Amino acid sequence: MFRSIIFIVCALFSPNIIAVYCGIMPYSYDNQGEAIVLLSKDSSRKGYDFFGGSLEKKESIRHAAAREFIEESVGLYTKLYGKTFKSATKKLAKCLYRKPFFHLPKQKNHPAHYIYPLQVSYIPPQEFKNAIINPKLPHCFKEKKDFVWVYVTDLILTLKSERKVDLQVQRINNDNCGNKSNIMLDNGIIKTLRQGGGIKFIESIER
């Protein structure tokens, strides 16, 4: 509900914002071949979410998803796709072409969602936190405040559960041997993925 309000307000007061959510679900595999997903959290929300944001006018869905991911991942994945933010965003958008994605059509008080899966290299959460405090980091890269890798199996169990959001997942440390701890998933992403085949979409990245 909170996310829907944000998108509606942005659409009303900013002519360059369209009420469409474009995002990326970055994933990797641990040393045992188990799928893990990178989640993030900004200071304005209580729960963890994927990487994404609003579609801007004259922007493709793939470009918006790529732009949001490069920004919200603190620029750590920029060098994998280009030397600059602009070139990295353009190349990543091309990489998303013809990739399968999760699409939830627009509903009442809820924007349309487009979420792309993207396999990335594993980066320890602490590296993201270290990058955030870098005074030279552009302000647009500082939206997210915390990052955590979770096992896909735990994420799926969370989505299938009747419980709400405060569920146990596994943090992945530098040696890929995580310690159990509780984190809260964002209400919006849980509601979205429980609809329209979202769980099957996440299951598709398991080997």
N, C-alpha and C. Protein backbone atom coordinates (compact mmCIF):
# COMPACT_ATOMS: atom_id res chain seq x y z
N MET A 1 0.83 -1.20 0.00
CA MET A 1 0.00 0.00 0.00
C MET A 1 0.87 1.25 0.00
N PHE A 2 1.92 1.26 0.83
CA PHE A 2 2.82 2.41 0.93
C PHE A 2 3.51 2.67 -0.40
N ARG A 3 3.98 1.56 -1.04
CA ARG A 3 4.65 1.72 -2.32
C ARG A 3 3.69 2.26 -3.37
N SER A 4 2.44 1.77 -3.37
CA SER A 4 1.46 2.22 -4.34
C SER A 4 1.21 3.71 -4.20
N ILE A 5 1.13 4.20 -2.97
CA ILE A 5 0.92 5.63 -2.72
C ILE A 5 2.07 6.44 -3.29
N ILE A 6 3.29 5.97 -3.11
CA ILE A 6 4.46 6.68 -3.63
C ILE A 6 4.38 6.82 -5.14
N PHE A 7 4.06 5.72 -5.82
CA PHE A 7 4.00 5.76 -7.27
C PHE A 7 2.90 6.68 -7.76
N ILE A 8 1.74 6.67 -7.10
CA ILE A 8 0.64 7.53 -7.49
C ILE A 8 1.00 9.00 -7.31
N VAL A 9 1.61 9.33 -6.18
CA VAL A 9 2.02 10.71 -5.91
C VAL A 9 3.05 11.17 -6.93
N CYS A 10 4.05 10.31 -7.23
CA CYS A 10 5.07 10.67 -8.21
C CYS A 10 4.46 10.91 -9.59
N ALA A 11 3.49 10.07 -9.95
CA ALA A 11 2.86 10.20 -11.26
C ALA A 11 2.07 11.51 -11.36
N LEU A 12 1.49 11.94 -10.25
CA LEU A 12 0.68 13.15 -10.26
C LEU A 12 1.52 14.42 -10.29
N PHE A 13 2.63 14.42 -9.56
CA PHE A 13 3.39 15.65 -9.37
C PHE A 13 4.66 15.74 -10.21
N SER A 14 5.06 14.66 -10.86
CA SER A 14 6.23 14.72 -11.73
C SER A 14 5.86 14.23 -13.13
N PRO A 15 5.93 15.10 -14.13
CA PRO A 15 5.53 14.72 -15.48
C PRO A 15 6.47 13.71 -16.12
N ASN A 16 7.64 13.48 -15.52
CA ASN A 16 8.61 12.55 -16.09
C ASN A 16 8.53 11.16 -15.49
N ILE A 17 7.62 10.95 -14.53
CA ILE A 17 7.50 9.67 -13.86
C ILE A 17 6.22 8.96 -14.29
N ILE A 18 6.34 7.67 -14.61
CA ILE A 18 5.20 6.86 -15.00
C ILE A 18 5.00 5.78 -13.94
N ALA A 19 3.73 5.52 -13.60
CA ALA A 19 3.43 4.57 -12.53
C ALA A 19 3.64 3.13 -12.98
N VAL A 20 4.89 2.80 -13.28
CA VAL A 20 5.29 1.44 -13.64
C VAL A 20 6.56 1.12 -12.86
N TYR A 21 6.57 -0.04 -12.18
CA TYR A 21 7.74 -0.44 -11.41
C TYR A 21 8.62 -1.33 -12.28
N CYS A 22 9.87 -0.96 -12.44
CA CYS A 22 10.84 -1.73 -13.22
C CYS A 22 11.99 -2.13 -12.29
N GLY A 23 12.25 -3.42 -12.19
CA GLY A 23 13.26 -3.85 -11.23
C GLY A 23 14.09 -5.03 -11.70
N ILE A 24 15.08 -5.34 -10.88
CA ILE A 24 15.98 -6.47 -11.14
C ILE A 24 16.11 -7.30 -9.88
N MET A 25 16.08 -8.61 -10.06
CA MET A 25 16.33 -9.54 -8.96
C MET A 25 17.72 -10.15 -9.19
N PRO A 26 18.76 -9.58 -8.57
CA PRO A 26 20.11 -10.11 -8.76
C PRO A 26 20.30 -11.41 -7.98
N TYR A 27 20.89 -12.41 -8.63
CA TYR A 27 21.10 -13.69 -7.96
C TYR A 27 22.47 -14.26 -8.30
N SER A 28 22.91 -15.17 -7.47
CA SER A 28 24.19 -15.84 -7.67
C SER A 28 24.07 -17.25 -7.07
N TYR A 29 25.20 -17.94 -6.94
CA TYR A 29 25.20 -19.28 -6.37
C TYR A 29 26.35 -19.40 -5.37
N ASP A 30 26.09 -20.09 -4.26
CA ASP A 30 27.16 -20.26 -3.27
C ASP A 30 28.08 -21.40 -3.69
N ASN A 31 29.04 -21.73 -2.84
CA ASN A 31 30.03 -22.75 -3.18
C ASN A 31 29.43 -24.14 -3.39
N GLN A 32 28.25 -24.36 -2.85
CA GLN A 32 27.57 -25.64 -3.00
C GLN A 32 26.56 -25.63 -4.15
N GLY A 33 26.51 -24.52 -4.89
CA GLY A 33 25.62 -24.43 -6.02
C GLY A 33 24.20 -24.04 -5.67
N GLU A 34 23.96 -23.60 -4.43
CA GLU A 34 22.62 -23.17 -4.05
C GLU A 34 22.39 -21.72 -4.47
N ALA A 35 21.21 -21.46 -5.00
CA ALA A 35 20.88 -20.11 -5.48
C ALA A 35 20.68 -19.15 -4.31
N ILE A 36 21.25 -17.96 -4.44
CA ILE A 36 21.08 -16.91 -3.45
C ILE A 36 20.66 -15.63 -4.16
N VAL A 37 19.89 -14.81 -3.46
CA VAL A 37 19.37 -13.56 -4.03
C VAL A 37 19.83 -12.39 -3.18
N LEU A 38 20.20 -11.30 -3.83
CA LEU A 38 20.62 -10.10 -3.13
C LEU A 38 19.41 -9.19 -2.91
N LEU A 39 19.16 -8.85 -1.65
CA LEU A 39 18.09 -7.93 -1.29
C LEU A 39 18.70 -6.67 -0.69
N SER A 40 17.94 -5.60 -0.70
CA SER A 40 18.45 -4.34 -0.16
C SER A 40 17.33 -3.60 0.56
N LYS A 41 17.72 -2.61 1.35
CA LYS A 41 16.75 -1.83 2.13
C LYS A 41 17.19 -0.38 2.19
N ASP A 42 16.24 0.52 2.00
CA ASP A 42 16.57 1.94 2.15
C ASP A 42 16.06 2.44 3.50
N SER A 43 16.45 3.64 3.85
CA SER A 43 16.16 4.17 5.18
C SER A 43 14.69 4.48 5.41
N SER A 44 13.92 4.61 4.32
CA SER A 44 12.51 4.98 4.46
C SER A 44 11.59 3.79 4.64
N ARG A 45 12.12 2.58 4.52
CA ARG A 45 11.30 1.38 4.63
C ARG A 45 11.81 0.45 5.71
N LYS A 46 10.92 -0.37 6.21
CA LYS A 46 11.29 -1.32 7.25
C LYS A 46 11.80 -2.64 6.67
N GLY A 47 11.35 -2.96 5.45
CA GLY A 47 11.66 -4.27 4.90
C GLY A 47 12.64 -4.24 3.74
N TYR A 48 13.15 -5.43 3.42
CA TYR A 48 14.10 -5.62 2.31
C TYR A 48 13.33 -5.89 1.02
N ASP A 49 13.94 -5.50 -0.09
CA ASP A 49 13.26 -5.57 -1.38
C ASP A 49 14.27 -5.86 -2.48
N PHE A 50 13.79 -6.03 -3.72
CA PHE A 50 14.66 -6.12 -4.87
C PHE A 50 15.16 -4.71 -5.21
N PHE A 51 15.78 -4.58 -6.38
CA PHE A 51 16.30 -3.29 -6.83
C PHE A 51 15.40 -2.77 -7.95
N GLY A 52 14.89 -1.57 -7.82
CA GLY A 52 14.02 -1.06 -8.87
C GLY A 52 13.39 0.26 -8.52
N GLY A 53 12.60 0.77 -9.46
CA GLY A 53 11.94 2.05 -9.25
C GLY A 53 11.03 2.39 -10.41
N SER A 54 10.71 3.66 -10.55
CA SER A 54 9.73 4.12 -11.53
C SER A 54 10.30 4.26 -12.93
N LEU A 55 9.45 4.00 -13.88
CA LEU A 55 9.77 4.21 -15.29
C LEU A 55 9.63 5.70 -15.61
N GLU A 56 10.63 6.26 -16.29
CA GLU A 56 10.57 7.65 -16.69
C GLU A 56 10.10 7.77 -18.13
N LYS A 57 9.58 8.94 -18.48
CA LYS A 57 9.10 9.15 -19.85
C LYS A 57 10.24 8.96 -20.85
N LYS A 58 9.88 8.40 -22.02
CA LYS A 58 10.82 8.13 -23.11
C LYS A 58 11.90 7.14 -22.70
N GLU A 59 11.61 6.32 -21.70
CA GLU A 59 12.57 5.33 -21.24
C GLU A 59 11.95 3.94 -21.40
N SER A 60 12.76 2.99 -21.87
CA SER A 60 12.26 1.63 -22.00
C SER A 60 12.23 0.96 -20.63
N ILE A 61 11.44 -0.09 -20.52
CA ILE A 61 11.35 -0.82 -19.26
C ILE A 61 12.71 -1.42 -18.89
N ARG A 62 13.39 -1.97 -19.88
CA ARG A 62 14.71 -2.57 -19.62
C ARG A 62 15.72 -1.51 -19.15
N HIS A 63 15.69 -0.34 -19.77
CA HIS A 63 16.62 0.72 -19.39
C HIS A 63 16.34 1.21 -17.98
N ALA A 64 15.06 1.33 -17.62
CA ALA A 64 14.70 1.78 -16.27
C ALA A 64 15.17 0.77 -15.23
N ALA A 65 14.97 -0.52 -15.51
CA ALA A 65 15.42 -1.56 -14.58
C ALA A 65 16.92 -1.53 -14.43
N ALA A 66 17.65 -1.38 -15.54
CA ALA A 66 19.11 -1.33 -15.51
C ALA A 66 19.60 -0.11 -14.74
N ARG A 67 19.00 1.05 -15.02
CA ARG A 67 19.40 2.29 -14.34
C ARG A 67 19.21 2.19 -12.84
N GLU A 68 18.05 1.70 -12.44
CA GLU A 68 17.77 1.58 -11.00
C GLU A 68 18.75 0.62 -10.33
N PHE A 69 19.06 -0.48 -11.01
CA PHE A 69 19.97 -1.46 -10.40
C PHE A 69 21.38 -0.90 -10.25
N ILE A 70 21.89 -0.24 -11.27
CA ILE A 70 23.23 0.34 -11.20
C ILE A 70 23.31 1.36 -10.07
N GLU A 71 22.26 2.19 -9.94
CA GLU A 71 22.25 3.19 -8.87
C GLU A 71 22.16 2.55 -7.49
N GLU A 72 21.19 1.66 -7.33
CA GLU A 72 20.89 1.13 -6.00
C GLU A 72 21.89 0.09 -5.52
N SER A 73 22.69 -0.45 -6.42
CA SER A 73 23.76 -1.38 -6.00
C SER A 73 25.05 -0.63 -5.72
N VAL A 74 24.92 0.66 -5.45
CA VAL A 74 26.03 1.55 -5.04
C VAL A 74 27.11 1.64 -6.11
N GLY A 75 26.75 1.29 -7.34
CA GLY A 75 27.71 1.39 -8.44
C GLY A 75 28.74 0.28 -8.47
N LEU A 76 28.65 -0.70 -7.57
CA LEU A 76 29.67 -1.76 -7.52
C LEU A 76 29.63 -2.67 -8.74
N TYR A 77 28.49 -2.74 -9.39
CA TYR A 77 28.40 -3.58 -10.59
C TYR A 77 28.59 -2.77 -11.87
N THR A 78 28.88 -1.48 -11.74
CA THR A 78 29.02 -0.62 -12.92
C THR A 78 30.14 -1.10 -13.84
N LYS A 79 31.30 -1.41 -13.26
CA LYS A 79 32.47 -1.76 -14.07
C LYS A 79 32.28 -3.05 -14.87
N LEU A 80 31.32 -3.87 -14.48
CA LEU A 80 31.07 -5.10 -15.22
C LEU A 80 30.39 -4.82 -16.56
N TYR A 81 29.76 -3.64 -16.67
CA TYR A 81 29.00 -3.35 -17.88
C TYR A 81 29.50 -2.11 -18.63
N GLY A 82 30.36 -1.32 -18.02
CA GLY A 82 30.87 -0.14 -18.71
C GLY A 82 31.73 0.71 -17.81
N LYS A 83 32.41 1.69 -18.40
CA LYS A 83 33.30 2.56 -17.64
C LYS A 83 32.56 3.66 -16.90
N THR A 84 31.40 4.03 -17.42
CA THR A 84 30.63 5.10 -16.80
C THR A 84 29.22 4.60 -16.47
N PHE A 85 28.51 5.39 -15.66
CA PHE A 85 27.14 5.03 -15.30
C PHE A 85 26.27 4.92 -16.54
N LYS A 86 26.41 5.86 -17.46
CA LYS A 86 25.58 5.88 -18.67
C LYS A 86 25.86 4.68 -19.56
N SER A 87 27.13 4.38 -19.79
CA SER A 87 27.47 3.25 -20.66
C SER A 87 27.11 1.92 -20.02
N ALA A 88 27.27 1.83 -18.69
CA ALA A 88 26.93 0.59 -17.98
C ALA A 88 25.42 0.34 -18.03
N THR A 89 24.65 1.40 -17.86
CA THR A 89 23.19 1.27 -17.91
C THR A 89 22.74 0.82 -19.30
N LYS A 90 23.32 1.40 -20.32
CA LYS A 90 22.95 1.07 -21.70
C LYS A 90 23.30 -0.39 -22.03
N LYS A 91 24.48 -0.83 -21.61
CA LYS A 91 24.89 -2.21 -21.90
C LYS A 91 24.05 -3.21 -21.12
N LEU A 92 23.78 -2.91 -19.86
CA LEU A 92 22.96 -3.82 -19.04
C LEU A 92 21.55 -3.92 -19.61
N ALA A 93 21.01 -2.81 -20.07
CA ALA A 93 19.67 -2.83 -20.68
C ALA A 93 19.64 -3.77 -21.88
N LYS A 94 20.72 -3.77 -22.67
CA LYS A 94 20.80 -4.67 -23.81
C LYS A 94 20.89 -6.13 -23.36
N CYS A 95 21.58 -6.35 -22.23
CA CYS A 95 21.71 -7.71 -21.70
C CYS A 95 20.35 -8.27 -21.26
N LEU A 96 19.44 -7.38 -20.90
CA LEU A 96 18.11 -7.81 -20.44
C LEU A 96 17.18 -8.14 -21.60
N TYR A 97 17.61 -7.80 -22.82
CA TYR A 97 16.76 -8.04 -23.99
C TYR A 97 16.48 -9.52 -24.16
N ARG A 98 15.22 -9.87 -24.32
CA ARG A 98 14.75 -11.24 -24.51
C ARG A 98 14.93 -12.12 -23.28
N LYS A 99 15.32 -11.55 -22.17
CA LYS A 99 15.38 -12.32 -20.93
C LYS A 99 13.96 -12.52 -20.40
N PRO A 100 13.68 -13.68 -19.80
CA PRO A 100 12.36 -13.86 -19.19
C PRO A 100 12.21 -12.91 -18.00
N PHE A 101 11.01 -12.46 -17.76
CA PHE A 101 10.81 -11.53 -16.65
C PHE A 101 9.44 -11.78 -16.02
N PHE A 102 9.30 -11.28 -14.80
CA PHE A 102 8.04 -11.38 -14.09
C PHE A 102 7.23 -10.11 -14.38
N HIS A 103 6.01 -10.30 -14.82
CA HIS A 103 5.15 -9.16 -15.13
C HIS A 103 3.85 -9.29 -14.38
N LEU A 104 3.52 -8.28 -13.61
CA LEU A 104 2.23 -8.20 -12.94
C LEU A 104 1.50 -6.98 -13.51
N PRO A 105 0.39 -7.19 -14.22
CA PRO A 105 -0.33 -6.06 -14.83
C PRO A 105 -0.79 -5.04 -13.80
N LYS A 106 -1.02 -3.84 -14.26
CA LYS A 106 -1.50 -2.77 -13.40
C LYS A 106 -2.85 -3.13 -12.80
N GLN A 107 -2.99 -2.86 -11.52
CA GLN A 107 -4.24 -3.11 -10.82
C GLN A 107 -4.66 -1.82 -10.12
N LYS A 108 -5.82 -1.82 -9.53
CA LYS A 108 -6.29 -0.64 -8.81
C LYS A 108 -5.33 -0.28 -7.69
N ASN A 109 -4.86 0.96 -7.70
CA ASN A 109 -3.93 1.47 -6.68
C ASN A 109 -2.63 0.68 -6.61
N HIS A 110 -2.28 0.00 -7.71
CA HIS A 110 -1.06 -0.80 -7.71
C HIS A 110 -0.45 -0.74 -9.10
N PRO A 111 0.78 -0.22 -9.25
CA PRO A 111 1.38 -0.07 -10.59
C PRO A 111 1.72 -1.41 -11.22
N ALA A 112 1.88 -1.41 -12.52
CA ALA A 112 2.37 -2.60 -13.22
C ALA A 112 3.81 -2.87 -12.78
N HIS A 113 4.18 -4.14 -12.70
CA HIS A 113 5.52 -4.52 -12.27
C HIS A 113 6.22 -5.32 -13.37
N TYR A 114 7.49 -5.00 -13.59
CA TYR A 114 8.35 -5.76 -14.49
C TYR A 114 9.64 -6.03 -13.73
N ILE A 115 9.94 -7.30 -13.46
CA ILE A 115 11.14 -7.64 -12.70
C ILE A 115 11.96 -8.65 -13.49
N TYR A 116 13.22 -8.30 -13.75
CA TYR A 116 14.12 -9.17 -14.51
C TYR A 116 15.08 -9.92 -13.58
N PRO A 117 15.29 -11.21 -13.82
CA PRO A 117 16.34 -11.92 -13.07
C PRO A 117 17.69 -11.60 -13.72
N LEU A 118 18.72 -11.44 -12.92
CA LEU A 118 20.05 -11.13 -13.45
C LEU A 118 21.11 -11.85 -12.63
N GLN A 119 21.84 -12.75 -13.25
CA GLN A 119 22.92 -13.43 -12.54
C GLN A 119 24.11 -12.49 -12.42
N VAL A 120 24.60 -12.33 -11.21
CA VAL A 120 25.71 -11.42 -10.94
C VAL A 120 26.77 -12.15 -10.12
N SER A 121 27.93 -11.55 -10.01
CA SER A 121 28.97 -12.11 -9.16
C SER A 121 28.66 -11.78 -7.70
N TYR A 122 29.09 -12.66 -6.81
CA TYR A 122 28.84 -12.45 -5.38
C TYR A 122 29.74 -11.33 -4.85
N ILE A 123 29.14 -10.37 -4.19
CA ILE A 123 29.86 -9.30 -3.49
C ILE A 123 29.41 -9.32 -2.04
N PRO A 124 30.33 -9.41 -1.09
CA PRO A 124 29.95 -9.44 0.33
C PRO A 124 29.16 -8.19 0.72
N PRO A 125 28.15 -8.32 1.57
CA PRO A 125 27.35 -7.16 1.99
C PRO A 125 28.18 -6.02 2.56
N GLN A 126 29.28 -6.36 3.24
CA GLN A 126 30.10 -5.32 3.85
C GLN A 126 30.71 -4.39 2.80
N GLU A 127 30.98 -4.91 1.60
CA GLU A 127 31.55 -4.07 0.55
C GLU A 127 30.56 -3.00 0.11
N PHE A 128 29.28 -3.34 0.11
CA PHE A 128 28.26 -2.34 -0.23
C PHE A 128 28.23 -1.25 0.84
N LYS A 129 28.30 -1.67 2.10
CA LYS A 129 28.25 -0.72 3.20
C LYS A 129 29.49 0.19 3.19
N ASN A 130 30.64 -0.38 2.87
CA ASN A 130 31.86 0.43 2.79
C ASN A 130 31.76 1.46 1.67
N ALA A 131 31.14 1.07 0.56
CA ALA A 131 31.01 1.98 -0.58
C ALA A 131 30.09 3.14 -0.26
N ILE A 132 29.05 2.88 0.53
CA ILE A 132 28.07 3.92 0.85
C ILE A 132 28.71 5.08 1.61
N ILE A 133 29.65 4.77 2.50
CA ILE A 133 30.25 5.83 3.32
C ILE A 133 31.38 6.57 2.61
N ASN A 134 31.67 6.18 1.38
CA ASN A 134 32.69 6.87 0.59
C ASN A 134 32.18 8.28 0.25
N PRO A 135 32.85 9.33 0.71
CA PRO A 135 32.38 10.70 0.47
C PRO A 135 32.33 11.08 -1.01
N LYS A 136 33.08 10.35 -1.86
CA LYS A 136 33.10 10.66 -3.29
C LYS A 136 31.98 9.96 -4.05
N LEU A 137 31.23 9.12 -3.38
CA LEU A 137 30.15 8.40 -4.05
C LEU A 137 29.02 9.37 -4.39
N PRO A 138 28.56 9.38 -5.64
CA PRO A 138 27.45 10.28 -6.02
C PRO A 138 26.22 10.03 -5.16
N HIS A 139 25.49 11.08 -4.88
CA HIS A 139 24.33 10.98 -3.99
C HIS A 139 23.29 10.00 -4.51
N CYS A 140 23.14 9.90 -5.83
CA CYS A 140 22.11 9.02 -6.40
C CYS A 140 22.40 7.55 -6.12
N PHE A 141 23.64 7.23 -5.71
CA PHE A 141 24.01 5.85 -5.41
C PHE A 141 23.80 5.50 -3.94
N LYS A 142 23.32 6.46 -3.15
CA LYS A 142 23.23 6.25 -1.70
C LYS A 142 21.81 6.01 -1.21
N GLU A 143 20.93 5.58 -2.08
CA GLU A 143 19.54 5.36 -1.69
C GLU A 143 19.40 4.17 -0.73
N LYS A 144 20.13 3.09 -1.00
CA LYS A 144 20.04 1.89 -0.17
C LYS A 144 21.03 1.97 0.99
N LYS A 145 20.61 1.43 2.14
CA LYS A 145 21.43 1.53 3.34
C LYS A 145 21.93 0.17 3.84
N ASP A 146 21.29 -0.91 3.41
CA ASP A 146 21.71 -2.22 3.90
C ASP A 146 21.47 -3.26 2.80
N PHE A 147 22.30 -4.30 2.80
CA PHE A 147 22.24 -5.33 1.78
C PHE A 147 22.41 -6.69 2.43
N VAL A 148 21.73 -7.69 1.89
CA VAL A 148 21.82 -9.03 2.45
C VAL A 148 21.54 -10.07 1.36
N TRP A 149 22.31 -11.14 1.37
CA TRP A 149 22.06 -12.26 0.49
C TRP A 149 21.19 -13.27 1.23
N VAL A 150 20.20 -13.82 0.55
CA VAL A 150 19.34 -14.83 1.16
C VAL A 150 19.25 -16.03 0.22
N TYR A 151 19.05 -17.19 0.80
CA TYR A 151 18.86 -18.38 -0.03
C TYR A 151 17.49 -18.34 -0.69
N VAL A 152 17.44 -18.76 -1.94
CA VAL A 152 16.19 -18.79 -2.68
C VAL A 152 15.18 -19.71 -1.99
N THR A 153 15.67 -20.83 -1.45
CA THR A 153 14.76 -21.75 -0.76
C THR A 153 14.08 -21.07 0.42
N ASP A 154 14.81 -20.25 1.17
CA ASP A 154 14.23 -19.52 2.30
C ASP A 154 13.23 -18.47 1.81
N LEU A 155 13.58 -17.80 0.72
CA LEU A 155 12.71 -16.77 0.18
C LEU A 155 11.38 -17.38 -0.30
N ILE A 156 11.46 -18.53 -0.95
CA ILE A 156 10.25 -19.20 -1.43
C ILE A 156 9.38 -19.64 -0.27
N LEU A 157 10.01 -20.18 0.78
CA LEU A 157 9.25 -20.59 1.96
C LEU A 157 8.53 -19.39 2.58
N THR A 158 9.20 -18.25 2.57
CA THR A 158 8.60 -17.03 3.10
C THR A 158 7.36 -16.65 2.30
N LEU A 159 7.47 -16.70 0.99
CA LEU A 159 6.36 -16.30 0.13
C LEU A 159 5.19 -17.27 0.21
N LYS A 160 5.49 -18.54 0.46
CA LYS A 160 4.43 -19.55 0.55
C LYS A 160 3.78 -19.57 1.94
N SER A 161 4.45 -18.98 2.90
CA SER A 161 3.95 -18.99 4.26
C SER A 161 2.77 -18.05 4.42
N GLU A 162 1.89 -18.38 5.37
CA GLU A 162 0.75 -17.51 5.68
C GLU A 162 1.17 -16.39 6.62
N ARG A 163 2.37 -16.51 7.19
CA ARG A 163 2.86 -15.46 8.07
C ARG A 163 3.17 -14.23 7.25
N LYS A 164 3.44 -13.13 7.92
CA LYS A 164 3.60 -11.87 7.21
C LYS A 164 5.03 -11.65 6.72
N VAL A 165 5.83 -10.91 7.44
CA VAL A 165 7.11 -10.51 6.86
C VAL A 165 8.32 -10.81 7.72
N ASP A 166 8.15 -10.95 9.02
CA ASP A 166 9.31 -11.13 9.89
C ASP A 166 9.69 -12.61 9.93
N LEU A 167 10.46 -13.06 8.94
CA LEU A 167 10.77 -14.47 8.79
C LEU A 167 12.28 -14.70 8.77
N GLN A 168 12.65 -15.92 9.07
CA GLN A 168 14.06 -16.25 9.19
C GLN A 168 14.65 -16.56 7.81
N VAL A 169 15.75 -15.92 7.51
CA VAL A 169 16.49 -16.20 6.28
C VAL A 169 17.95 -16.37 6.66
N GLN A 170 18.76 -16.68 5.70
CA GLN A 170 20.16 -16.92 6.00
C GLN A 170 21.05 -15.87 5.36
N ARG A 171 21.82 -15.20 6.20
CA ARG A 171 22.79 -14.23 5.70
C ARG A 171 24.02 -14.98 5.20
N ILE A 172 24.56 -14.54 4.10
CA ILE A 172 25.72 -15.17 3.50
C ILE A 172 26.94 -14.29 3.77
N ASN A 173 27.91 -14.84 4.46
CA ASN A 173 29.11 -14.07 4.77
C ASN A 173 30.17 -14.26 3.69
N ASN A 174 31.36 -13.71 3.92
CA ASN A 174 32.43 -13.79 2.94
C ASN A 174 32.78 -15.23 2.55
N ASP A 175 32.67 -16.14 3.51
CA ASP A 175 33.02 -17.54 3.24
C ASP A 175 31.79 -18.36 2.83
N ASN A 176 30.67 -17.64 2.56
CA ASN A 176 29.42 -18.30 2.16
C ASN A 176 28.87 -19.23 3.22
N CYS A 177 29.26 -19.03 4.46
CA CYS A 177 28.71 -19.81 5.57
C CYS A 177 27.93 -18.84 6.45
N GLY A 178 26.67 -18.69 6.17
CA GLY A 178 25.88 -17.67 6.85
C GLY A 178 25.39 -18.09 8.22
N ASN A 179 25.05 -17.10 9.03
CA ASN A 179 24.43 -17.34 10.32
C ASN A 179 22.96 -16.94 10.23
N LYS A 180 22.13 -17.75 10.86
CA LYS A 180 20.70 -17.48 10.80
C LYS A 180 20.36 -16.19 11.54
N SER A 181 19.49 -15.40 10.96
CA SER A 181 19.02 -14.18 11.60
C SER A 181 17.70 -13.79 10.95
N ASN A 182 16.92 -13.00 11.63
CA ASN A 182 15.63 -12.59 11.10
C ASN A 182 15.75 -11.24 10.40
N ILE A 183 15.18 -11.15 9.21
CA ILE A 183 15.05 -9.86 8.54
C ILE A 183 13.60 -9.73 8.09
N MET A 184 13.18 -8.51 7.88
CA MET A 184 11.81 -8.26 7.47
C MET A 184 11.79 -7.96 5.97
N LEU A 185 10.94 -8.69 5.24
CA LEU A 185 10.77 -8.42 3.82
C LEU A 185 9.72 -7.34 3.63
N ASP A 186 9.89 -6.56 2.57
CA ASP A 186 8.97 -5.48 2.28
C ASP A 186 7.57 -6.02 1.96
N ASN A 187 6.56 -5.44 2.57
CA ASN A 187 5.18 -5.88 2.34
C ASN A 187 4.80 -5.83 0.87
N GLY A 188 5.27 -4.80 0.18
CA GLY A 188 4.91 -4.62 -1.22
C GLY A 188 5.40 -5.74 -2.10
N ILE A 189 6.67 -6.14 -1.92
CA ILE A 189 7.22 -7.18 -2.78
C ILE A 189 6.60 -8.54 -2.46
N ILE A 190 6.26 -8.78 -1.20
CA ILE A 190 5.60 -10.04 -0.85
C ILE A 190 4.23 -10.12 -1.52
N LYS A 191 3.48 -9.03 -1.44
CA LYS A 191 2.15 -9.01 -2.05
C LYS A 191 2.25 -9.19 -3.55
N THR A 192 3.24 -8.55 -4.17
CA THR A 192 3.40 -8.64 -5.62
C THR A 192 3.76 -10.05 -6.07
N LEU A 193 4.75 -10.66 -5.40
CA LEU A 193 5.24 -11.97 -5.83
C LEU A 193 4.28 -13.10 -5.51
N ARG A 194 3.38 -12.87 -4.58
CA ARG A 194 2.38 -13.91 -4.29
C ARG A 194 1.28 -13.95 -5.34
N GLN A 195 1.35 -13.01 -6.27
CA GLN A 195 0.37 -12.96 -7.35
C GLN A 195 1.04 -13.30 -8.68
N GLY A 196 0.26 -13.73 -9.63
CA GLY A 196 0.73 -13.84 -11.01
C GLY A 196 1.95 -14.68 -11.25
N GLY A 197 2.15 -15.74 -10.50
CA GLY A 197 3.27 -16.63 -10.76
C GLY A 197 4.61 -16.15 -10.26
N GLY A 198 4.60 -15.27 -9.27
CA GLY A 198 5.86 -14.74 -8.75
C GLY A 198 6.75 -15.79 -8.12
N ILE A 199 6.16 -16.76 -7.45
CA ILE A 199 6.94 -17.82 -6.81
C ILE A 199 7.63 -18.69 -7.86
N LYS A 200 6.90 -19.05 -8.91
CA LYS A 200 7.49 -19.84 -9.99
C LYS A 200 8.62 -19.08 -10.67
N PHE A 201 8.46 -17.77 -10.76
CA PHE A 201 9.50 -16.91 -11.35
C PHE A 201 10.79 -17.03 -10.54
N ILE A 202 10.70 -17.01 -9.23
CA ILE A 202 11.89 -17.13 -8.37
C ILE A 202 12.44 -18.54 -8.42
N GLU A 203 11.57 -19.54 -8.46
CA GLU A 203 12.02 -20.93 -8.51
C GLU A 203 12.81 -21.23 -9.78
N SER A 204 12.59 -20.44 -10.84
CA SER A 204 13.24 -20.70 -12.11
C SER A 204 14.75 -20.52 -12.08
N ILE A 205 15.28 -19.80 -11.07
CA ILE A 205 16.72 -19.59 -11.04
C ILE A 205 17.46 -20.68 -10.28
N GLU A 206 16.70 -21.62 -9.67
CA GLU A 206 17.33 -22.72 -8.97
C GLU A 206 17.89 -23.72 -9.99
N ARG A 207 19.06 -24.26 -9.69
CA ARG A 207 19.68 -25.23 -10.60
C ARG A 207 19.07 -26.61 -10.40
